[in-house]
Amino acid sequence: MATNFRPSEDLHRRLRDQAAAEGTSVQSLLVKAAEEYLQRHTKRALLDAAMERITVEYADALRRLGE
C-alpha cells in the first residue's frame, strides 16, 4: 500500500538530516515515528479508560478520601 507524505521543505530537510545521523532512511524514520506515536496514544487511551472505570467504581471512596 502506498501513502503519499508531503512535508514542508524544512521538515523534509530535518528528516533527511536525522535519518543520515542515524544511518537509516527517511522512510524507516517515518515508520518508526508512526509506530511510536500509535503506541503512545494507544497506551493513553487505555489509561483514560482505566481512570474512567476507577472514578466510577470507587467514586464514594475517592470522595471520602478527599474530605
N, C-alpha and C. Protein backbone atom coordinates (compact mmCIF):
# COMPACT_ATOMS: atom_id res chain seq x y z
N MET A 1 0.84 -1.17 0.00
CA MET A 1 0.00 0.00 0.00
C MET A 1 0.89 1.24 0.00
N ALA A 2 0.61 2.15 -0.85
CA ALA A 2 1.40 3.38 -0.95
C ALA A 2 0.65 4.52 -0.27
N THR A 3 1.41 5.33 0.43
CA THR A 3 0.86 6.52 1.07
C THR A 3 1.77 7.68 0.72
N ASN A 4 1.17 8.77 0.32
CA ASN A 4 1.96 9.96 0.00
C ASN A 4 2.09 10.82 1.24
N PHE A 5 3.29 11.30 1.47
CA PHE A 5 3.57 12.20 2.58
C PHE A 5 4.35 13.37 2.01
N ARG A 6 3.81 14.55 2.16
CA ARG A 6 4.44 15.73 1.56
C ARG A 6 4.75 16.76 2.65
N PRO A 7 5.88 16.60 3.32
CA PRO A 7 6.23 17.57 4.36
C PRO A 7 6.74 18.87 3.75
N SER A 8 6.79 19.89 4.57
CA SER A 8 7.38 21.15 4.12
C SER A 8 8.86 20.90 3.80
N GLU A 9 9.45 21.82 3.07
CA GLU A 9 10.87 21.68 2.72
C GLU A 9 11.73 21.61 3.98
N ASP A 10 11.40 22.44 4.96
CA ASP A 10 12.17 22.45 6.20
C ASP A 10 12.06 21.11 6.93
N LEU A 11 10.85 20.60 7.05
CA LEU A 11 10.67 19.32 7.74
C LEU A 11 11.37 18.20 6.97
N HIS A 12 11.29 18.22 5.66
CA HIS A 12 11.94 17.19 4.86
C HIS A 12 13.46 17.25 5.04
N ARG A 13 14.02 18.45 5.08
CA ARG A 13 15.46 18.60 5.31
C ARG A 13 15.84 18.05 6.67
N ARG A 14 15.04 18.38 7.70
CA ARG A 14 15.33 17.89 9.05
C ARG A 14 15.21 16.37 9.12
N LEU A 15 14.24 15.81 8.43
CA LEU A 15 14.10 14.35 8.39
C LEU A 15 15.31 13.71 7.71
N ARG A 16 15.74 14.27 6.60
CA ARG A 16 16.92 13.75 5.91
C ARG A 16 18.15 13.81 6.80
N ASP A 17 18.31 14.96 7.48
CA ASP A 17 19.46 15.12 8.38
C ASP A 17 19.43 14.09 9.51
N GLN A 18 18.26 13.91 10.10
CA GLN A 18 18.14 12.95 11.20
C GLN A 18 18.36 11.52 10.72
N ALA A 19 17.80 11.20 9.58
CA ALA A 19 17.99 9.85 9.02
C ALA A 19 19.47 9.60 8.75
N ALA A 20 20.16 10.59 8.20
CA ALA A 20 21.59 10.44 7.92
C ALA A 20 22.36 10.25 9.23
N ALA A 21 21.98 11.01 10.25
CA ALA A 21 22.67 10.91 11.55
C ALA A 21 22.48 9.53 12.17
N GLU A 22 21.32 8.91 11.91
CA GLU A 22 21.02 7.60 12.47
C GLU A 22 21.44 6.47 11.54
N GLY A 23 21.90 6.82 10.35
CA GLY A 23 22.31 5.80 9.39
C GLY A 23 21.14 4.98 8.88
N THR A 24 20.03 5.65 8.65
CA THR A 24 18.83 4.97 8.18
C THR A 24 18.18 5.81 7.08
N SER A 25 17.05 5.36 6.60
CA SER A 25 16.34 6.10 5.55
C SER A 25 15.24 6.96 6.17
N VAL A 26 14.81 7.95 5.41
CA VAL A 26 13.68 8.77 5.85
C VAL A 26 12.45 7.88 6.02
N GLN A 27 12.26 6.94 5.11
CA GLN A 27 11.13 6.00 5.20
C GLN A 27 11.15 5.26 6.53
N SER A 28 12.30 4.71 6.90
CA SER A 28 12.41 3.98 8.16
C SER A 28 12.15 4.89 9.35
N LEU A 29 12.66 6.10 9.27
CA LEU A 29 12.45 7.07 10.34
C LEU A 29 10.96 7.38 10.50
N LEU A 30 10.25 7.55 9.39
CA LEU A 30 8.81 7.84 9.44
C LEU A 30 8.01 6.66 9.98
N VAL A 31 8.38 5.45 9.59
CA VAL A 31 7.70 4.25 10.11
C VAL A 31 7.89 4.16 11.61
N LYS A 32 9.13 4.36 12.06
CA LYS A 32 9.42 4.31 13.49
C LYS A 32 8.63 5.37 14.25
N ALA A 33 8.58 6.58 13.71
CA ALA A 33 7.84 7.67 14.36
C ALA A 33 6.35 7.34 14.44
N ALA A 34 5.80 6.79 13.38
CA ALA A 34 4.38 6.43 13.37
C ALA A 34 4.09 5.33 14.39
N GLU A 35 4.97 4.34 14.47
CA GLU A 35 4.78 3.26 15.44
C GLU A 35 4.83 3.79 16.87
N GLU A 36 5.80 4.66 17.16
CA GLU A 36 5.91 5.25 18.49
C GLU A 36 4.69 6.10 18.82
N TYR A 37 4.21 6.87 17.87
CA TYR A 37 3.02 7.69 18.06
C TYR A 37 1.82 6.83 18.41
N LEU A 38 1.60 5.78 17.63
CA LEU A 38 0.45 4.91 17.88
C LEU A 38 0.57 4.20 19.22
N GLN A 39 1.76 3.79 19.57
CA GLN A 39 1.97 3.12 20.86
C GLN A 39 1.64 4.06 22.01
N ARG A 40 2.12 5.31 21.93
CA ARG A 40 1.84 6.28 23.00
C ARG A 40 0.35 6.56 23.11
N HIS A 41 -0.29 6.74 21.97
CA HIS A 41 -1.71 7.10 22.01
C HIS A 41 -2.59 5.91 22.39
N THR A 42 -2.17 4.71 22.05
CA THR A 42 -2.91 3.52 22.46
C THR A 42 -2.81 3.37 23.98
N LYS A 43 -1.61 3.55 24.53
CA LYS A 43 -1.43 3.48 25.98
C LYS A 43 -2.27 4.55 26.67
N ARG A 44 -2.29 5.75 26.11
CA ARG A 44 -3.05 6.85 26.70
C ARG A 44 -4.54 6.52 26.72
N ALA A 45 -5.05 5.93 25.65
CA ALA A 45 -6.47 5.56 25.59
C ALA A 45 -6.79 4.50 26.64
N LEU A 46 -5.89 3.54 26.83
CA LEU A 46 -6.09 2.51 27.85
C LEU A 46 -6.08 3.11 29.25
N LEU A 47 -5.16 4.04 29.49
CA LEU A 47 -5.10 4.71 30.79
C LEU A 47 -6.35 5.54 31.04
N ASP A 48 -6.81 6.26 30.03
CA ASP A 48 -8.03 7.06 30.17
C ASP A 48 -9.23 6.18 30.51
N ALA A 49 -9.35 5.03 29.84
CA ALA A 49 -10.46 4.12 30.11
C ALA A 49 -10.37 3.56 31.52
N ALA A 50 -9.16 3.20 31.95
CA ALA A 50 -8.98 2.67 33.30
C ALA A 50 -9.33 3.73 34.34
N MET A 51 -8.89 4.95 34.14
CA MET A 51 -9.20 6.03 35.08
C MET A 51 -10.70 6.30 35.14
N GLU A 52 -11.35 6.24 34.02
CA GLU A 52 -12.81 6.45 33.99
C GLU A 52 -13.50 5.36 34.80
N ARG A 53 -13.08 4.12 34.59
CA ARG A 53 -13.68 3.00 35.32
C ARG A 53 -13.44 3.13 36.82
N ILE A 54 -12.22 3.50 37.21
CA ILE A 54 -11.89 3.65 38.62
C ILE A 54 -12.71 4.77 39.26
N THR A 55 -12.82 5.89 38.58
CA THR A 55 -13.56 7.01 39.17
C THR A 55 -15.03 6.69 39.32
N VAL A 56 -15.58 5.86 38.44
CA VAL A 56 -16.99 5.46 38.57
C VAL A 56 -17.14 4.40 39.66
N GLU A 57 -16.31 3.36 39.62
CA GLU A 57 -16.44 2.25 40.56
C GLU A 57 -16.11 2.66 41.99
N TYR A 58 -15.18 3.57 42.17
CA TYR A 58 -14.73 3.95 43.50
C TYR A 58 -15.04 5.40 43.83
N ALA A 59 -16.10 5.93 43.24
CA ALA A 59 -16.46 7.33 43.43
C ALA A 59 -16.66 7.66 44.91
N ASP A 60 -17.34 6.79 45.65
CA ASP A 60 -17.60 7.06 47.06
C ASP A 60 -16.30 7.08 47.86
N ALA A 61 -15.45 6.10 47.63
CA ALA A 61 -14.18 6.04 48.34
C ALA A 61 -13.31 7.25 48.00
N LEU A 62 -13.27 7.64 46.75
CA LEU A 62 -12.49 8.80 46.35
C LEU A 62 -13.04 10.08 46.98
N ARG A 63 -14.36 10.17 47.06
CA ARG A 63 -14.98 11.33 47.70
C ARG A 63 -14.59 11.39 49.17
N ARG A 64 -14.63 10.25 49.86
CA ARG A 64 -14.29 10.21 51.28
C ARG A 64 -12.81 10.55 51.49
N LEU A 65 -11.94 10.09 50.59
CA LEU A 65 -10.52 10.42 50.71
C LEU A 65 -10.28 11.92 50.56
N GLY A 66 -11.10 12.56 49.79
CA GLY A 66 -10.96 14.00 49.57
C GLY A 66 -11.48 14.85 50.71
N GLU A 67 -12.18 14.25 51.65
CA GLU A 67 -12.73 15.02 52.78
C GLU A 67 -11.71 15.28 53.84
